[in-house]
C-alpha atoms as a PDB file:
ATOM      1  CA  UNK A   1      -9.945   7.540 -14.338  1.00  0.00           C
ATOM      2  CA  UNK A   2     -10.048  10.734 -12.027  1.00  0.00           C
ATOM      3  CA  UNK A   3     -12.993  13.201 -12.931  1.00  0.00           C
ATOM      4  CA  UNK A   4     -11.663  16.322 -14.736  1.00  0.00           C
ATOM      5  CA  UNK A   5      -8.887  14.524 -16.442  1.00  0.00           C
ATOM      6  CA  UNK A   6     -10.304  12.603 -19.044  1.00  0.00           C
ATOM      7  CA  UNK A   7      -8.055  14.225 -21.856  1.00  0.00           C
ATOM      8  CA  UNK A   8      -5.315  13.260 -20.417  1.00  0.00           C
ATOM      9  CA  UNK A   9      -6.424   9.544 -19.649  1.00  0.00           C
ATOM     10  CA  UNK A  10      -7.580   9.539 -23.485  1.00  0.00           C
ATOM     11  CA  UNK A  11      -3.776  10.235 -24.138  1.00  0.00           C
ATOM     12  CA  UNK A  12      -2.744   7.287 -22.252  1.00  0.00           C
ATOM     13  CA  UNK A  13      -4.995   4.423 -23.584  1.00  0.00           C
ATOM     14  CA  UNK A  14      -3.076   3.259 -26.517  1.00  0.00           C
ATOM     15  CA  UNK A  15       0.017   2.969 -24.152  1.00  0.00           C
ATOM     16  CA  UNK A  16      -1.675   1.284 -21.507  1.00  0.00           C
ATOM     17  CA  UNK A  17      -2.932  -1.262 -24.234  1.00  0.00           C
ATOM     18  CA  UNK A  18       0.478  -1.997 -25.280  1.00  0.00           C
ATOM     19  CA  UNK A  19       1.700  -2.381 -21.850  1.00  0.00           C
ATOM     20  CA  UNK A  20      -1.081  -4.617 -21.029  1.00  0.00           C
ATOM     21  CA  UNK A  21      -0.839  -6.637 -24.371  1.00  0.00           C
ATOM     22  CA  UNK A  22       2.963  -7.234 -23.830  1.00  0.00           C
ATOM     23  CA  UNK A  23       2.108  -8.238 -20.194  1.00  0.00           C
ATOM     24  CA  UNK A  24       4.496  -5.699 -18.688  1.00  0.00           C
ATOM     25  CA  UNK A  25       2.220  -4.857 -15.716  1.00  0.00           C
ATOM     26  CA  UNK A  26       5.111  -3.526 -13.396  1.00  0.00           C
ATOM     27  CA  UNK A  27       5.294  -0.884 -16.186  1.00  0.00           C
ATOM     28  CA  UNK A  28       1.648  -0.892 -16.578  1.00  0.00           C
ATOM     29  CA  UNK A  29       1.183  -0.036 -12.665  1.00  0.00           C
ATOM     30  CA  UNK A  30       3.936   2.388 -12.824  1.00  0.00           C
ATOM     31  CA  UNK A  31       2.225   4.405 -15.974  1.00  0.00           C
ATOM     32  CA  UNK A  32      -1.018   4.213 -13.947  1.00  0.00           C
ATOM     33  CA  UNK A  33       0.474   5.454 -10.737  1.00  0.00           C
ATOM     34  CA  UNK A  34       2.364   8.164 -12.342  1.00  0.00           C
ATOM     35  CA  UNK A  35      -0.889   9.602 -13.975  1.00  0.00           C
ATOM     36  CA  UNK A  36      -2.657   9.352 -10.730  1.00  0.00           C
ATOM     37  CA  UNK A  37      -0.026  11.348  -8.788  1.00  0.00           C
ATOM     38  CA  UNK A  38       0.147  14.045 -11.615  1.00  0.00           C
ATOM     39  CA  UNK A  39      -3.638  13.981 -11.435  1.00  0.00           C
ATOM     40  CA  UNK A  40      -3.959  14.710  -7.380  1.00  0.00           C
ATOM     41  CA  UNK A  41      -0.969  17.668  -7.840  1.00  0.00           C
ATOM     42  CA  UNK A  42      -3.412  19.054 -10.287  1.00  0.00           C
ATOM     43  CA  UNK A  43      -6.133  19.014  -8.197  1.00  0.00           C
ATOM     44  CA  UNK A  44      -4.583  20.919  -5.628  1.00  0.00           C
ATOM     45  CA  UNK A  45      -6.196  19.420  -2.697  1.00  0.00           C
ATOM     46  CA  UNK A  46      -4.972  19.042   1.220  1.00  0.00           C
ATOM     47  CA  UNK A  47      -2.846  16.068   1.873  1.00  0.00           C
ATOM     48  CA  UNK A  48      -5.444  14.518   3.945  1.00  0.00           C
ATOM     49  CA  UNK A  49      -7.864  14.394   1.452  1.00  0.00           C
ATOM     50  CA  UNK A  50      -5.985  12.569  -0.760  1.00  0.00           C
ATOM     51  CA  UNK A  51      -5.991   9.785   1.631  1.00  0.00           C
ATOM     52  CA  UNK A  52      -7.405   6.391   0.123  1.00  0.00           C
ATOM     53  CA  UNK A  53      -6.637   2.786   1.062  1.00  0.00           C
ATOM     54  CA  UNK A  54      -7.913  -0.478  -0.775  1.00  0.00           C
ATOM     55  CA  UNK A  55      -8.224  -3.772   0.335  1.00  0.00           C
ATOM     56  CA  UNK A  56      -8.745  -6.603  -2.051  1.00  0.00           C
ATOM     57  CA  UNK A  57      -9.226 -10.213  -1.515  1.00  0.00           C
ATOM     58  CA  UNK A  58      -7.278 -12.113  -4.307  1.00  0.00           C
ATOM     59  CA  UNK A  59      -7.760 -15.944  -4.334  1.00  0.00           C
ATOM     60  CA  UNK A  60      -6.957 -17.009  -0.744  1.00  0.00           C
ATOM     61  CA  UNK A  61      -4.953 -13.605  -0.145  1.00  0.00           C
ATOM     62  CA  UNK A  62      -5.287  -9.741   0.292  1.00  0.00           C
ATOM     63  CA  UNK A  63      -3.621  -7.309  -1.474  1.00  0.00           C
ATOM     64  CA  UNK A  64      -3.288  -3.721   0.590  1.00  0.00           C
ATOM     65  CA  UNK A  65      -2.662  -0.689  -1.448  1.00  0.00           C
ATOM     66  CA  UNK A  66      -2.967   2.938  -0.744  1.00  0.00           C
ATOM     67  CA  UNK A  67      -1.589   6.447  -0.204  1.00  0.00           C
ATOM     68  CA  UNK A  68      -1.705   8.428   2.784  1.00  0.00           C
ATOM     69  CA  UNK A  69      -0.467  11.535   4.563  1.00  0.00           C
ATOM     70  CA  UNK A  70       2.167  11.406   7.153  1.00  0.00           C
ATOM     71  CA  UNK A  71      -0.313  11.212  10.083  1.00  0.00           C
ATOM     72  CA  UNK A  72      -2.701   8.804   8.862  1.00  0.00           C
ATOM     73  CA  UNK A  73      -0.005   6.461   7.538  1.00  0.00           C
ATOM     74  CA  UNK A  74       1.608   6.697  11.051  1.00  0.00           C
ATOM     75  CA  UNK A  75      -1.514   5.648  12.804  1.00  0.00           C
ATOM     76  CA  UNK A  76      -2.087   2.843  10.143  1.00  0.00           C
ATOM     77  CA  UNK A  77       1.445   1.765  10.658  1.00  0.00           C
ATOM     78  CA  UNK A  78       0.940   1.712  14.828  1.00  0.00           C
ATOM     79  CA  UNK A  79      -2.358   0.020  14.271  1.00  0.00           C
ATOM     80  CA  UNK A  80      -1.084  -2.935  12.039  1.00  0.00           C
ATOM     81  CA  UNK A  81       1.950  -3.408  14.185  1.00  0.00           C
ATOM     82  CA  UNK A  82       0.078  -3.618  17.272  1.00  0.00           C
ATOM     83  CA  UNK A  83      -2.334  -6.261  15.389  1.00  0.00           C
ATOM     84  CA  UNK A  84       0.859  -7.947  13.917  1.00  0.00           C
ATOM     85  CA  UNK A  85       2.618  -8.040  17.321  1.00  0.00           C
ATOM     86  CA  UNK A  86      -0.273  -9.435  19.343  1.00  0.00           C
ATOM     87  CA  UNK A  87      -0.885 -12.408  16.668  1.00  0.00           C
ATOM     88  CA  UNK A  88       3.019 -13.152  16.684  1.00  0.00           C
ATOM     89  CA  UNK A  89       3.029 -12.721  20.458  1.00  0.00           C
ATOM     90  CA  UNK A  90       0.246 -15.250  20.791  1.00  0.00           C
ATOM     91  CA  UNK A  91       1.885 -17.671  18.312  1.00  0.00           C
ATOM     92  CA  UNK A  92       5.475 -16.944  19.331  1.00  0.00           C
ATOM     93  CA  UNK A  93       6.231 -20.453  20.937  1.00  0.00           C
ATOM     94  CA  UNK A  94       4.998 -22.205  17.604  1.00  0.00           C
ATOM     95  CA  UNK A  95       6.910 -19.778  15.202  1.00  0.00           C
ATOM     96  CA  UNK A  96       9.932 -20.246  17.413  1.00  0.00           C
ATOM     97  CA  UNK A  97      10.362 -16.404  17.186  1.00  0.00           C
ATOM     98  CA  UNK A  98      13.187 -14.519  19.388  1.00  0.00           C
ATOM     99  CA  UNK A  99      13.398 -10.909  19.895  1.00  0.00           C
ATOM    100  CA  UNK A 100      16.846 -10.929  17.918  1.00  0.00           C
ATOM    101  CA  UNK A 101      14.992 -12.741  15.135  1.00  0.00           C
ATOM    102  CA  UNK A 102      12.339  -9.985  15.117  1.00  0.00           C
ATOM    103  CA  UNK A 103      15.042  -7.174  15.049  1.00  0.00           C
ATOM    104  CA  UNK A 104      16.742  -9.082  12.261  1.00  0.00           C
ATOM    105  CA  UNK A 105      13.502  -9.312  10.090  1.00  0.00           C
ATOM    106  CA  UNK A 106      12.819  -5.443  10.889  1.00  0.00           C
ATOM    107  CA  UNK A 107       9.753  -6.317  12.940  1.00  0.00           C
ATOM    108  CA  UNK A 108       9.061  -4.039  15.926  1.00  0.00           C
ATOM    109  CA  UNK A 109      10.314  -4.973  19.244  1.00  0.00           C
ATOM    110  CA  UNK A 110       7.695  -4.942  22.138  1.00  0.00           C
ATOM    111  CA  UNK A 111       8.636  -5.846  25.706  1.00  0.00           C
ATOM    112  CA  UNK A 112       5.369  -7.631  26.660  1.00  0.00           C
ATOM    113  CA  UNK A 113       4.769 -10.245  30.041  1.00  0.00           C
ATOM    114  CA  UNK A 114       4.572 -13.736  28.277  1.00  0.00           C
END
């Protein structure tokens, strides 16, 4: 719940409870996301002050969620691409990944010595 927007949130509680009770989790997430975006718009803060990323361990995996301005999002994309590309390049022989396969699956093309 965002500070200063408690009254709006209170109005949503019955709808949120009903969605959770009906196991409509996608709709529940959409309502919460919409509330968050509206609250952010009302706060009238610069985009970089709205940045936030959450990394949660879920069982034996991780869930990543966030909202970033264009510049920060670009930095994160570059960092993740570099990290993933390094791992994929290291494991390329085991994975059987070709440059054509990388392009087909939307992976960045990086020409590096093998």
